[in-house]
């Protein structure tokens, strides 16, 4: 019985509020990765205003990172231009930004131990 109880992990709700949307075109694409950099969930949400709220249910307690981008032209990918610089808006948990590329994964990690809300501003 004790063994069964120790294998249960809390299930949490993570609400992600994305702002910085300047035009209501396309979809927000969002992914959640665990501390081993393995994607555990992903969603796509139609943009209908200046913010998008996406809820992830039944997330086990642990450390996670969120990546998101605005797929303005609905082609299913983050478009890039010269030198691989994104031409569509994107963002990361903790609102970290990379200097010459994406930020380090560990900078995006945050702990989920209960239901919580995080905000990400895309740029």
PDB file of N, CA and C in Angstrom:
ATOM      1  N   UNK A   1       0.821  -1.186   0.000  1.00  0.00           N
ATOM      2  CA  UNK A   1       0.000   0.000   0.000  1.00  0.00           C
ATOM      3  C   UNK A   1       0.869   1.256   0.000  1.00  0.00           C
ATOM      4  N   UNK A   2       1.902   1.284   0.805  1.00  0.00           N
ATOM      5  CA  UNK A   2       2.800   2.420   0.846  1.00  0.00           C
ATOM      6  C   UNK A   2       3.475   2.608  -0.506  1.00  0.00           C
ATOM      7  N   UNK A   3       3.881   1.519  -1.150  1.00  0.00           N
ATOM      8  CA  UNK A   3       4.508   1.603  -2.464  1.00  0.00           C
ATOM      9  C   UNK A   3       3.550   2.219  -3.472  1.00  0.00           C
ATOM     10  N   UNK A   4       2.303   1.817  -3.464  1.00  0.00           N
ATOM     11  CA  UNK A   4       1.310   2.368  -4.392  1.00  0.00           C
ATOM     12  C   UNK A   4       1.127   3.856  -4.162  1.00  0.00           C
ATOM     13  N   UNK A   5       1.091   4.291  -2.935  1.00  0.00           N
ATOM     14  CA  UNK A   5       0.923   5.706  -2.627  1.00  0.00           C
ATOM     15  C   UNK A   5       2.128   6.518  -3.089  1.00  0.00           C
ATOM     16  N   UNK A   6       3.316   5.954  -3.005  1.00  0.00           N
ATOM     17  CA  UNK A   6       4.513   6.702  -3.386  1.00  0.00           C
ATOM     18  C   UNK A   6       4.649   6.838  -4.895  1.00  0.00           C
ATOM     19  N   UNK A   7       3.984   5.966  -5.656  1.00  0.00           N
ATOM     20  CA  UNK A   7       4.092   6.067  -7.109  1.00  0.00           C
ATOM     21  C   UNK A   7       3.075   7.040  -7.694  1.00  0.00           C
ATOM     22  N   UNK A   8       2.113   7.464  -6.892  1.00  0.00           N
ATOM     23  CA  UNK A   8       1.160   8.453  -7.374  1.00  0.00           C
ATOM     24  C   UNK A   8       1.809   9.831  -7.345  1.00  0.00           C
ATOM     25  N   UNK A   9       1.598  10.593  -8.405  1.00  0.00           N
ATOM     26  CA  UNK A   9       2.112  11.958  -8.393  1.00  0.00           C
ATOM     27  C   UNK A   9       0.956  12.915  -8.600  1.00  0.00           C
ATOM     28  N   UNK A  10       1.096  14.079  -8.047  1.00  0.00           N
ATOM     29  CA  UNK A  10       0.029  15.071  -8.141  1.00  0.00           C
ATOM     30  C   UNK A  10      -0.200  15.457  -9.596  1.00  0.00           C
ATOM     31  N   UNK A  11      -1.446  15.677  -9.923  1.00  0.00           N
ATOM     32  CA  UNK A  11      -1.824  16.139 -11.247  1.00  0.00           C
ATOM     33  C   UNK A  11      -2.235  17.598 -11.126  1.00  0.00           C
ATOM     34  N   UNK A  12      -1.615  18.427 -11.925  1.00  0.00           N
ATOM     35  CA  UNK A  12      -1.793  19.860 -11.813  1.00  0.00           C
ATOM     36  C   UNK A  12      -2.323  20.450 -13.109  1.00  0.00           C
ATOM     37  N   UNK A  13      -2.891  21.639 -12.989  1.00  0.00           N
ATOM     38  CA  UNK A  13      -3.367  22.381 -14.153  1.00  0.00           C
ATOM     39  C   UNK A  13      -2.429  23.561 -14.368  1.00  0.00           C
ATOM     40  N   UNK A  14      -1.898  23.673 -15.582  1.00  0.00           N
ATOM     41  CA  UNK A  14      -1.035  24.794 -15.955  1.00  0.00           C
ATOM     42  C   UNK A  14      -1.781  25.639 -16.972  1.00  0.00           C
ATOM     43  N   UNK A  15      -1.991  26.898 -16.634  1.00  0.00           N
ATOM     44  CA  UNK A  15      -2.623  27.846 -17.547  1.00  0.00           C
ATOM     45  C   UNK A  15      -1.536  28.776 -18.071  1.00  0.00           C
ATOM     46  N   UNK A  16      -1.433  28.870 -19.394  1.00  0.00           N
ATOM     47  CA  UNK A  16      -0.434  29.727 -20.032  1.00  0.00           C
ATOM     48  C   UNK A  16      -1.166  30.862 -20.733  1.00  0.00           C
ATOM     49  N   UNK A  17      -0.860  32.092 -20.342  1.00  0.00           N
ATOM     50  CA  UNK A  17      -1.444  33.278 -20.957  1.00  0.00           C
ATOM     51  C   UNK A  17      -0.370  33.898 -21.847  1.00  0.00           C
ATOM     52  N   UNK A  18      -0.674  34.004 -23.132  1.00  0.00           N
ATOM     53  CA  UNK A  18       0.285  34.528 -24.106  1.00  0.00           C
ATOM     54  C   UNK A  18      -0.201  35.891 -24.567  1.00  0.00           C
ATOM     55  N   UNK A  19       0.693  36.896 -24.434  1.00  0.00           N
ATOM     56  CA  UNK A  19       0.360  38.234 -24.928  1.00  0.00           C
ATOM     57  C   UNK A  19       1.483  38.719 -25.844  1.00  0.00           C
ATOM     58  N   UNK A  20       1.355  39.944 -26.298  1.00  0.00           N
ATOM     59  CA  UNK A  20       2.310  40.467 -27.270  1.00  0.00           C
ATOM     60  C   UNK A  20       1.847  40.231 -28.696  1.00  0.00           C
ATOM     61  N   UNK A  21       0.626  39.752 -28.846  1.00  0.00           N
ATOM     62  CA  UNK A  21       0.066  39.486 -30.171  1.00  0.00           C
ATOM     63  C   UNK A  21      -0.372  40.821 -30.772  1.00  0.00           C
ATOM     64  N   UNK A  22       0.181  41.160 -31.923  1.00  0.00           N
ATOM     65  CA  UNK A  22      -0.135  42.436 -32.550  1.00  0.00           C
ATOM     66  C   UNK A  22      -1.196  42.314 -33.630  1.00  0.00           C
ATOM     67  N   UNK A  23      -1.356  41.115 -34.211  1.00  0.00           N
ATOM     68  CA  UNK A  23      -2.419  40.920 -35.183  1.00  0.00           C
ATOM     69  C   UNK A  23      -3.032  39.543 -34.955  1.00  0.00           C
ATOM     70  N   UNK A  24      -4.332  39.488 -35.106  1.00  0.00           N
ATOM     71  CA  UNK A  24      -5.069  38.248 -34.819  1.00  0.00           C
ATOM     72  C   UNK A  24      -5.069  37.346 -36.045  1.00  0.00           C
ATOM     73  N   UNK A  25      -3.887  36.949 -36.480  1.00  0.00           N
ATOM     74  CA  UNK A  25      -3.753  36.072 -37.633  1.00  0.00           C
ATOM     75  C   UNK A  25      -3.147  34.741 -37.209  1.00  0.00           C
ATOM     76  N   UNK A  26      -3.673  33.652 -37.763  1.00  0.00           N
ATOM     77  CA  UNK A  26      -3.070  32.342 -37.556  1.00  0.00           C
ATOM     78  C   UNK A  26      -3.401  31.710 -36.224  1.00  0.00           C
ATOM     79  N   UNK A  27      -2.447  30.923 -35.745  1.00  0.00           N
ATOM     80  CA  UNK A  27      -2.603  30.143 -34.515  1.00  0.00           C
ATOM     81  C   UNK A  27      -1.385  30.326 -33.610  1.00  0.00           C
ATOM     82  N   UNK A  28      -1.604  30.136 -32.321  1.00  0.00           N
ATOM     83  CA  UNK A  28      -0.503  30.018 -31.368  1.00  0.00           C
ATOM     84  C   UNK A  28      -0.171  28.541 -31.290  1.00  0.00           C
ATOM     85  N   UNK A  29       1.086  28.207 -31.462  1.00  0.00           N
ATOM     86  CA  UNK A  29       1.597  26.853 -31.309  1.00  0.00           C
ATOM     87  C   UNK A  29       2.380  26.840 -30.000  1.00  0.00           C
ATOM     88  N   UNK A  30       2.145  25.824 -29.168  1.00  0.00           N
ATOM     89  CA  UNK A  30       2.783  25.798 -27.855  1.00  0.00           C
ATOM     90  C   UNK A  30       3.169  24.372 -27.499  1.00  0.00           C
ATOM     91  N   UNK A  31       4.337  24.234 -26.892  1.00  0.00           N
ATOM     92  CA  UNK A  31       4.800  22.932 -26.446  1.00  0.00           C
ATOM     93  C   UNK A  31       5.350  23.007 -25.035  1.00  0.00           C
ATOM     94  N   UNK A  32       5.158  21.919 -24.289  1.00  0.00           N
ATOM     95  CA  UNK A  32       5.714  21.803 -22.937  1.00  0.00           C
ATOM     96  C   UNK A  32       6.687  20.639 -22.942  1.00  0.00           C
ATOM     97  N   UNK A  33       7.888  20.893 -22.427  1.00  0.00           N
ATOM     98  CA  UNK A  33       8.914  19.851 -22.304  1.00  0.00           C
ATOM     99  C   UNK A  33       9.256  19.651 -20.844  1.00  0.00           C
ATOM    100  N   UNK A  34       9.599  18.406 -20.487  1.00  0.00           N
ATOM    101  CA  UNK A  34      10.005  18.127 -19.110  1.00  0.00           C
ATOM    102  C   UNK A  34      11.481  18.451 -18.926  1.00  0.00           C
ATOM    103  N   UNK A  35      11.996  18.224 -17.740  1.00  0.00           N
ATOM    104  CA  UNK A  35      13.390  18.589 -17.427  1.00  0.00           C
ATOM    105  C   UNK A  35      14.407  17.790 -18.228  1.00  0.00           C
ATOM    106  N   UNK A  36      13.973  16.709 -18.880  1.00  0.00           N
ATOM    107  CA  UNK A  36      14.856  15.924 -19.756  1.00  0.00           C
ATOM    108  C   UNK A  36      14.776  16.381 -21.205  1.00  0.00           C
ATOM    109  N   UNK A  37      14.125  17.525 -21.428  1.00  0.00           N
ATOM    110  CA  UNK A  37      13.938  18.122 -22.748  1.00  0.00           C
ATOM    111  C   UNK A  37      13.069  17.270 -23.669  1.00  0.00           C
ATOM    112  N   UNK A  38      12.214  16.443 -23.080  1.00  0.00           N
ATOM    113  CA  UNK A  38      11.277  15.615 -23.843  1.00  0.00           C
ATOM    114  C   UNK A  38       9.923  16.318 -23.868  1.00  0.00           C
ATOM    115  N   UNK A  39       9.372  16.528 -25.072  1.00  0.00           N
ATOM    116  CA  UNK A  39       8.072  17.178 -25.155  1.00  0.00           C
ATOM    117  C   UNK A  39       7.006  16.266 -24.575  1.00  0.00           C
ATOM    118  N   UNK A  40       6.231  16.805 -23.633  1.00  0.00           N
ATOM    119  CA  UNK A  40       5.186  16.022 -22.966  1.00  0.00           C
ATOM    120  C   UNK A  40       3.786  16.433 -23.400  1.00  0.00           C
ATOM    121  N   UNK A  41       3.643  17.609 -23.989  1.00  0.00           N
ATOM    122  CA  UNK A  41       2.343  18.060 -24.449  1.00  0.00           C
ATOM    123  C   UNK A  41       2.514  19.206 -25.431  1.00  0.00           C
ATOM    124  N   UNK A  42       1.544  19.352 -26.304  1.00  0.00           N
ATOM    125  CA  UNK A  42       1.543  20.451 -27.250  1.00  0.00           C
ATOM    126  C   UNK A  42       0.124  20.767 -27.675  1.00  0.00           C
ATOM    127  N   UNK A  43      -0.100  22.011 -28.029  1.00  0.00           N
ATOM    128  CA  UNK A  43      -1.426  22.436 -28.461  1.00  0.00           C
ATOM    129  C   UNK A  43      -1.310  23.525 -29.517  1.00  0.00           C
ATOM    130  N   UNK A  44      -2.422  23.727 -30.200  1.00  0.00           N
ATOM    131  CA  UNK A  44      -2.552  24.785 -31.182  1.00  0.00           C
ATOM    132  C   UNK A  44      -3.864  25.497 -30.876  1.00  0.00           C
ATOM    133  N   UNK A  45      -3.845  26.824 -30.856  1.00  0.00           N
ATOM    134  CA  UNK A  45      -5.046  27.589 -30.519  1.00  0.00           C
ATOM    135  C   UNK A  45      -5.202  28.751 -31.503  1.00  0.00           C
ATOM    136  N   UNK A  46      -6.386  28.890 -32.074  1.00  0.00           N
ATOM    137  CA  UNK A  46      -6.674  29.981 -33.003  1.00  0.00           C
ATOM    138  C   UNK A  46      -6.578  31.311 -32.269  1.00  0.00           C
ATOM    139  N   UNK A  47      -5.978  32.290 -32.926  1.00  0.00           N
ATOM    140  CA  UNK A  47      -5.839  33.626 -32.349  1.00  0.00           C
ATOM    141  C   UNK A  47      -7.079  34.439 -32.707  1.00  0.00           C
ATOM    142  N   UNK A  48      -7.699  35.012 -31.672  1.00  0.00           N
ATOM    143  CA  UNK A  48      -8.896  35.816 -31.893  1.00  0.00           C
ATOM    144  C   UNK A  48      -8.815  37.162 -31.196  1.00  0.00           C
ATOM    145  N   UNK A  49      -7.674  37.503 -30.641  1.00  0.00           N
ATOM    146  CA  UNK A  49      -7.530  38.772 -29.937  1.00  0.00           C
ATOM    147  C   UNK A  49      -6.070  39.043 -29.618  1.00  0.00           C
ATOM    148  N   UNK A  50      -5.853  39.891 -28.619  1.00  0.00           N
ATOM    149  CA  UNK A  50      -4.495  40.294 -28.245  1.00  0.00           C
ATOM    150  C   UNK A  50      -3.823  39.329 -27.290  1.00  0.00           C
ATOM    151  N   UNK A  51      -4.610  38.431 -26.678  1.00  0.00           N
ATOM    152  CA  UNK A  51      -4.050  37.406 -25.795  1.00  0.00           C
ATOM    153  C   UNK A  51      -4.697  36.067 -26.122  1.00  0.00           C
ATOM    154  N   UNK A  52      -3.964  35.014 -25.809  1.00  0.00           N
ATOM    155  CA  UNK A  52      -4.473  33.651 -25.952  1.00  0.00           C
ATOM    156  C   UNK A  52      -4.192  32.935 -24.639  1.00  0.00           C
ATOM    157  N   UNK A  53      -5.192  32.216 -24.128  1.00  0.00           N
ATOM    158  CA  UNK A  53      -5.033  31.443 -22.909  1.00  0.00           C
ATOM    159  C   UNK A  53      -5.189  29.973 -23.242  1.00  0.00           C
ATOM    160  N   UNK A  54      -4.198  29.184 -22.857  1.00  0.00           N
ATOM    161  CA  UNK A  54      -4.195  27.750 -23.130  1.00  0.00           C
ATOM    162  C   UNK A  54      -4.017  27.015 -21.808  1.00  0.00           C
ATOM    163  N   UNK A  55      -4.844  25.995 -21.579  1.00  0.00           N
ATOM    164  CA  UNK A  55      -4.819  25.244 -20.332  1.00  0.00           C
ATOM    165  C   UNK A  55      -4.354  23.816 -20.598  1.00  0.00           C
ATOM    166  N   UNK A  56      -3.414  23.370 -19.780  1.00  0.00           N
ATOM    167  CA  UNK A  56      -2.929  21.989 -19.806  1.00  0.00           C
ATOM    168  C   UNK A  56      -3.363  21.322 -18.510  1.00  0.00           C
ATOM    169  N   UNK A  57      -4.124  20.253 -18.626  1.00  0.00           N
ATOM    170  CA  UNK A  57      -4.639  19.524 -17.471  1.00  0.00           C
ATOM    171  C   UNK A  57      -3.751  18.311 -17.183  1.00  0.00           C
ATOM    172  N   UNK A  58      -3.844  17.815 -15.965  1.00  0.00           N
ATOM    173  CA  UNK A  58      -3.198  16.552 -15.563  1.00  0.00           C
ATOM    174  C   UNK A  58      -1.684  16.545 -15.795  1.00  0.00           C
ATOM    175  N   UNK A  59      -1.035  17.618 -15.430  1.00  0.00           N
ATOM    176  CA  UNK A  59       0.413  17.716 -15.538  1.00  0.00           C
ATOM    177  C   UNK A  59       1.026  17.271 -14.211  1.00  0.00           C
ATOM    178  N   UNK A  60       1.885  16.281 -14.256  1.00  0.00           N
ATOM    179  CA  UNK A  60       2.530  15.791 -13.036  1.00  0.00           C
ATOM    180  C   UNK A  60       3.437  16.871 -12.442  1.00  0.00           C
ATOM    181  N   UNK A  61       3.623  16.847 -11.152  1.00  0.00           N
ATOM    182  CA  UNK A  61       4.547  17.775 -10.507  1.00  0.00           C
ATOM    183  C   UNK A  61       5.942  17.545 -11.063  1.00  0.00           C
ATOM    184  N   UNK A  62       6.672  18.632 -11.268  1.00  0.00           N
ATOM    185  CA  UNK A  62       8.034  18.531 -11.801  1.00  0.00           C
ATOM    186  C   UNK A  62       8.470  19.842 -12.417  1.00  0.00           C
ATOM    187  N   UNK A  63       9.589  19.789 -13.140  1.00  0.00           N
ATOM    188  CA  UNK A  63      10.123  20.969 -13.813  1.00  0.00           C
ATOM    189  C   UNK A  63       9.802  20.889 -15.296  1.00  0.00           C
ATOM    190  N   UNK A  64       9.405  22.048 -15.848  1.00  0.00           N
ATOM    191  CA  UNK A  64       8.998  22.116 -17.245  1.00  0.00           C
ATOM    192  C   UNK A  64       9.508  23.395 -17.896  1.00  0.00           C
ATOM    193  N   UNK A  65       9.502  23.391 -19.227  1.00  0.00           N
ATOM    194  CA  UNK A  65       9.792  24.574 -20.022  1.00  0.00           C
ATOM    195  C   UNK A  65       8.723  24.669 -21.102  1.00  0.00           C
ATOM    196  N   UNK A  66       8.333  25.889 -21.429  1.00  0.00           N
ATOM    197  CA  UNK A  66       7.324  26.122 -22.447  1.00  0.00           C
ATOM    198  C   UNK A  66       7.942  26.928 -23.581  1.00  0.00           C
ATOM    199  N   UNK A  67       7.653  26.506 -24.810  1.00  0.00           N
ATOM    200  CA  UNK A  67       8.018  27.276 -25.997  1.00  0.00           C
ATOM    201  C   UNK A  67       6.744  27.548 -26.782  1.00  0.00           C
ATOM    202  N   UNK A  68       6.680  28.708 -27.411  1.00  0.00           N
ATOM    203  CA  UNK A  68       5.493  29.071 -28.169  1.00  0.00           C
ATOM    204  C   UNK A  68       5.858  29.994 -29.319  1.00  0.00           C
ATOM    205  N   UNK A  69       5.046  29.971 -30.356  1.00  0.00           N
ATOM    206  CA  UNK A  69       5.204  30.921 -31.444  1.00  0.00           C
ATOM    207  C   UNK A  69       3.867  31.169 -32.117  1.00  0.00           C
ATOM    208  N   UNK A  70       3.790  32.307 -32.820  1.00  0.00           N
ATOM    209  CA  UNK A  70       2.594  32.656 -33.571  1.00  0.00           C
ATOM    210  C   UNK A  70       2.797  32.226 -35.016  1.00  0.00           C
ATOM    211  N   UNK A  71       2.058  31.221 -35.441  1.00  0.00           N
ATOM    212  CA  UNK A  71       2.105  30.741 -36.820  1.00  0.00           C
ATOM    213  C   UNK A  71       1.129  31.585 -37.634  1.00  0.00           C
ATOM    214  N   UNK A  72       1.592  32.762 -38.046  1.00  0.00           N
ATOM    215  CA  UNK A  72       0.716  33.729 -38.716  1.00  0.00           C
ATOM    216  C   UNK A  72       0.142  33.212 -40.032  1.00  0.00           C
ATOM    217  N   UNK A  73       0.936  32.451 -40.775  1.00  0.00           N
ATOM    218  CA  UNK A  73       0.484  31.988 -42.093  1.00  0.00           C
ATOM    219  C   UNK A  73      -0.014  30.539 -42.069  1.00  0.00           C
ATOM    220  N   UNK A  74      -0.154  29.964 -40.897  1.00  0.00           N
ATOM    221  CA  UNK A  74      -0.697  28.614 -40.725  1.00  0.00           C
ATOM    222  C   UNK A  74       0.006  27.549 -41.573  1.00  0.00           C
ATOM    223  N   UNK A  75       1.332  27.634 -41.642  1.00  0.00           N
ATOM    224  CA  UNK A  75       2.066  26.604 -42.387  1.00  0.00           C
ATOM    225  C   UNK A  75       2.672  25.543 -41.472  1.00  0.00           C
ATOM    226  N   UNK A  76       2.382  25.626 -40.166  1.00  0.00           N
ATOM    227  CA  UNK A  76       2.822  24.600 -39.226  1.00  0.00           C
ATOM    228  C   UNK A  76       4.268  24.678 -38.801  1.00  0.00           C
ATOM    229  N   UNK A  77       4.927  25.807 -39.063  1.00  0.00           N
ATOM    230  CA  UNK A  77       6.328  25.942 -38.642  1.00  0.00           C
ATOM    231  C   UNK A  77       6.646  27.395 -38.320  1.00  0.00           C
ATOM    232  N   UNK A  78       7.708  27.587 -37.552  1.00  0.00           N
ATOM    233  CA  UNK A  78       8.201  28.927 -37.250  1.00  0.00           C
ATOM    234  C   UNK A  78       9.032  29.371 -38.434  1.00  0.00           C
ATOM    235  N   UNK A  79       8.545  30.360 -39.170  1.00  0.00           N
ATOM    236  CA  UNK A  79       9.268  30.839 -40.345  1.00  0.00           C
ATOM    237  C   UNK A  79      10.490  31.645 -39.929  1.00  0.00           C
ATOM    238  N   UNK A  80      11.552  31.494 -40.694  1.00  0.00           N
ATOM    239  CA  UNK A  80      12.791  32.215 -40.428  1.00  0.00           C
ATOM    240  C   UNK A  80      13.251  32.909 -41.703  1.00  0.00           C
ATOM    241  N   UNK A  81      14.063  33.902 -41.509  1.00  0.00           N
ATOM    242  CA  UNK A  81      14.617  34.655 -42.622  1.00  0.00           C
ATOM    243  C   UNK A  81      16.119  34.469 -42.682  1.00  0.00           C
ATOM    244  N   UNK A  82      16.790  35.538 -43.045  1.00  0.00           N
ATOM    245  CA  UNK A  82      18.242  35.541 -43.182  1.00  0.00           C
ATOM    246  C   UNK A  82      18.920  35.066 -41.898  1.00  0.00           C
ATOM    247  N   UNK A  83      19.860  34.172 -42.012  1.00  0.00           N
ATOM    248  CA  UNK A  83      20.632  33.619 -40.886  1.00  0.00           C
ATOM    249  C   UNK A  83      19.773  32.861 -39.877  1.00  0.00           C
ATOM    250  N   UNK A  84      18.589  32.427 -40.281  1.00  0.00           N
ATOM    251  CA  UNK A  84      17.728  31.652 -39.395  1.00  0.00           C
ATOM    252  C   UNK A  84      16.994  32.462 -38.341  1.00  0.00           C
ATOM    253  N   UNK A  85      16.973  33.766 -38.506  1.00  0.00           N
ATOM    254  CA  UNK A  85      16.289  34.628 -37.545  1.00  0.00           C
ATOM    255  C   UNK A  85      14.780  34.514 -37.774  1.00  0.00           C
ATOM    256  N   UNK A  86      14.007  34.216 -36.728  1.00  0.00           N
ATOM    257  CA  UNK A  86      12.558  34.056 -36.887  1.00  0.00           C
ATOM    258  C   UNK A  86      11.891  35.319 -37.438  1.00  0.00           C
ATOM    259  N   UNK A  87      10.952  35.113 -38.342  1.00  0.00           N
ATOM    260  CA  UNK A  87      10.154  36.211 -38.884  1.00  0.00           C
ATOM    261  C   UNK A  87       8.756  36.226 -38.268  1.00  0.00           C
ATOM    262  N   UNK A  88       8.453  35.231 -37.431  1.00  0.00           N
ATOM    263  CA  UNK A  88       7.192  35.196 -36.702  1.00  0.00           C
ATOM    264  C   UNK A  88       7.521  35.329 -35.219  1.00  0.00           C
ATOM    265  N   UNK A  89       6.545  35.838 -34.455  1.00  0.00           N
ATOM    266  CA  UNK A  89       6.771  36.076 -33.026  1.00  0.00           C
ATOM    267  C   UNK A  89       6.850  34.757 -32.263  1.00  0.00           C
ATOM    268  N   UNK A  90       7.678  34.739 -31.221  1.00  0.00           N
ATOM    269  CA  UNK A  90       7.902  33.534 -30.413  1.00  0.00           C
ATOM    270  C   UNK A  90       8.219  33.940 -28.984  1.00  0.00           C
ATOM    271  N   UNK A  91       8.189  32.951 -28.077  1.00  0.00           N
ATOM    272  CA  UNK A  91       8.516  33.232 -26.685  1.00  0.00           C
ATOM    273  C   UNK A  91       8.793  31.960 -25.914  1.00  0.00           C
ATOM    274  N   UNK A  92       9.334  32.134 -24.713  1.00  0.00           N
ATOM    275  CA  UNK A  92       9.734  31.032 -23.848  1.00  0.00           C
ATOM    276  C   UNK A  92       9.250  31.288 -22.429  1.00  0.00           C
ATOM    277  N   UNK A  93       9.075  30.212 -21.664  1.00  0.00           N
ATOM    278  CA  UNK A  93       8.715  30.377 -20.256  1.00  0.00           C
ATOM    279  C   UNK A  93       9.791  31.207 -19.550  1.00  0.00           C
ATOM    280  N   UNK A  94       9.382  31.850 -18.495  1.00  0.00           N
ATOM    281  CA  UNK A  94      10.210  32.798 -17.732  1.00  0.00           C
ATOM    282  C   UNK A  94      10.538  34.044 -18.549  1.00  0.00           C
ATOM    283  N   UNK A  95       9.943  34.152 -19.756  1.00  0.00           N
ATOM    284  CA  UNK A  95      10.179  35.280 -20.665  1.00  0.00           C
ATOM    285  C   UNK A  95      11.660  35.526 -20.916  1.00  0.00           C
ATOM    286  N   UNK A  96      12.433  34.442 -20.962  1.00  0.00           N
ATOM    287  CA  UNK A  96      13.860  34.583 -21.257  1.00  0.00           C
ATOM    288  C   UNK A  96      14.051  34.739 -22.760  1.00  0.00           C
ATOM    289  N   UNK A  97      15.119  35.412 -23.114  1.00  0.00           N
ATOM    290  CA  UNK A  97      15.456  35.625 -24.519  1.00  0.00           C
ATOM    291  C   UNK A  97      16.909  35.228 -24.733  1.00  0.00           C
ATOM    292  N   UNK A  98      17.161  34.599 -25.846  1.00  0.00           N
ATOM    293  CA  UNK A  98      18.534  34.251 -26.196  1.00  0.00           C
ATOM    294  C   UNK A  98      19.234  35.443 -26.811  1.00  0.00           C
ATOM    295  N   UNK A  99      20.537  35.396 -26.795  1.00  0.00           N
ATOM    296  CA  UNK A  99      21.311  36.486 -27.389  1.00  0.00           C
ATOM    297  C   UNK A  99      21.646  36.195 -28.852  1.00  0.00           C
ATOM    298  N   UNK A 100      22.176  35.037 -29.123  1.00  0.00           N
ATOM    299  CA  UNK A 100      22.503  34.633 -30.490  1.00  0.00           C
ATOM    300  C   UNK A 100      21.853  33.269 -30.733  1.00  0.00           C
ATOM    301  N   UNK A 101      20.532  33.242 -30.695  1.00  0.00           N
ATOM    302  CA  UNK A 101      19.791  31.990 -30.800  1.00  0.00           C
ATOM    303  C   UNK A 101      18.874  31.846 -29.611  1.00  0.00           C
ATOM    304  N   UNK A 102      18.253  30.692 -29.477  1.00  0.00           N
ATOM    305  CA  UNK A 102      17.326  30.501 -28.349  1.00  0.00           C
ATOM    306  C   UNK A 102      18.065  30.483 -27.014  1.00  0.00           C
ATOM    307  N   UNK A 103      17.354  30.769 -25.932  1.00  0.00           N
ATOM    308  CA  UNK A 103      18.002  30.724 -24.614  1.00  0.00           C
ATOM    309  C   UNK A 103      18.348  29.287 -24.228  1.00  0.00           C
ATOM    310  N   UNK A 104      19.207  29.156 -23.250  1.00  0.00           N
ATOM    311  CA  UNK A 104      19.537  27.830 -22.724  1.00  0.00           C
ATOM    312  C   UNK A 104      18.280  27.205 -22.125  1.00  0.00           C
ATOM    313  N   UNK A 105      18.107  25.915 -22.337  1.00  0.00           N
ATOM    314  CA  UNK A 105      16.919  25.209 -21.862  1.00  0.00           C
ATOM    315  C   UNK A 105      16.713  25.411 -20.362  1.00  0.00           C
ATOM    316  N   UNK A 106      17.793  25.317 -19.590  1.00  0.00           N
ATOM    317  CA  UNK A 106      17.672  25.420 -18.129  1.00  0.00           C
ATOM    318  C   UNK A 106      17.144  26.787 -17.689  1.00  0.00           C
ATOM    319  N   UNK A 107      17.327  27.825 -18.504  1.00  0.00           N
ATOM    320  CA  UNK A 107      16.804  29.148 -18.170  1.00  0.00           C
ATOM    321  C   UNK A 107      15.280  29.202 -18.289  1.00  0.00           C
ATOM    322  N   UNK A 108      14.708  28.302 -19.058  1.00  0.00           N
ATOM    323  CA  UNK A 108      13.261  28.271 -19.285  1.00  0.00           C
ATOM    324  C   UNK A 108      12.528  27.414 -18.266  1.00  0.00           C
ATOM    325  N   UNK A 109      13.254  26.598 -17.504  1.00  0.00           N
ATOM    326  CA  UNK A 109      12.618  25.672 -16.564  1.00  0.00           C
ATOM    327  C   UNK A 109      11.948  26.393 -15.394  1.00  0.00           C
ATOM    328  N   UNK A 110      10.797  25.875 -14.997  1.00  0.00           N
ATOM    329  CA  UNK A 110      10.082  26.352 -13.820  1.00  0.00           C
ATOM    330  C   UNK A 110       9.408  25.147 -13.167  1.00  0.00           C
ATOM    331  N   UNK A 111       9.116  25.258 -11.868  1.00  0.00           N
ATOM    332  CA  UNK A 111       8.525  24.144 -11.123  1.00  0.00           C
ATOM    333  C   UNK A 111       7.010  24.220 -11.133  1.00  0.00           C
ATOM    334  N   UNK A 112       6.398  23.068 -11.356  1.00  0.00           N
ATOM    335  CA  UNK A 112       4.950  22.917 -11.235  1.00  0.00           C
ATOM    336  C   UNK A 112       4.712  21.981 -10.065  1.00  0.00           C
ATOM    337  N   UNK A 113       4.095  22.496  -9.010  1.00  0.00           N
ATOM    338  CA  UNK A 113       3.787  21.695  -7.828  1.00  0.00           C
ATOM    339  C   UNK A 113       2.325  21.826  -7.441  1.00  0.00           C
ATOM    340  N   UNK A 114       1.607  22.707  -8.124  1.00  0.00           N
ATOM    341  CA  UNK A 114       0.194  22.943  -7.875  1.00  0.00           C
ATOM    342  C   UNK A 114      -0.371  23.622  -9.121  1.00  0.00           C
ATOM    343  N   UNK A 115      -1.678  23.827  -9.163  1.00  0.00           N
ATOM    344  CA  UNK A 115      -2.277  24.550 -10.272  1.00  0.00           C
ATOM    345  C   UNK A 115      -1.627  25.939 -10.324  1.00  0.00           C
ATOM    346  N   UNK A 116      -1.279  26.391 -11.537  1.00  0.00           N
ATOM    347  CA  UNK A 116      -0.616  27.671 -11.631  1.00  0.00           C
ATOM    348  C   UNK A 116      -0.868  28.330 -12.982  1.00  0.00           C
ATOM    349  N   UNK A 117      -0.582  29.623 -13.038  1.00  0.00           N
ATOM    350  CA  UNK A 117      -0.720  30.428 -14.243  1.00  0.00           C
ATOM    351  C   UNK A 117       0.636  31.059 -14.541  1.00  0.00           C
ATOM    352  N   UNK A 118       1.080  30.968 -15.790  1.00  0.00           N
ATOM    353  CA  UNK A 118       2.287  31.681 -16.198  1.00  0.00           C
ATOM    354  C   UNK A 118       1.932  32.578 -17.385  1.00  0.00           C
ATOM    355  N   UNK A 119       2.685  33.661 -17.538  1.00  0.00           N
ATOM    356  CA  UNK A 119       2.492  34.576 -18.657  1.00  0.00           C
ATOM    357  C   UNK A 119       3.733  34.550 -19.532  1.00  0.00           C
ATOM    358  N   UNK A 120       3.508  34.516 -20.838  1.00  0.00           N
ATOM    359  CA  UNK A 120       4.599  34.590 -21.808  1.00  0.00           C
ATOM    360  C   UNK A 120       4.275  35.721 -22.792  1.00  0.00           C
ATOM    361  N   UNK A 121       5.224  36.625 -22.962  1.00  0.00           N
ATOM    362  CA  UNK A 121       5.088  37.676 -23.955  1.00  0.00           C
ATOM    363  C   UNK A 121       5.891  37.275 -25.174  1.00  0.00           C
ATOM    364  N   UNK A 122       5.215  37.164 -26.334  1.00  0.00           N
ATOM    365  CA  UNK A 122       5.930  36.817 -27.557  1.00  0.00           C
ATOM    366  C   UNK A 122       6.507  38.090 -28.150  1.00  0.00           C
ATOM    367  N   UNK A 123       7.634  37.947 -28.833  1.00  0.00           N
ATOM    368  CA  UNK A 123       8.290  39.117 -29.431  1.00  0.00           C
ATOM    369  C   UNK A 123       8.819  38.764 -30.800  1.00  0.00           C
TER     370      UNK A 123
END
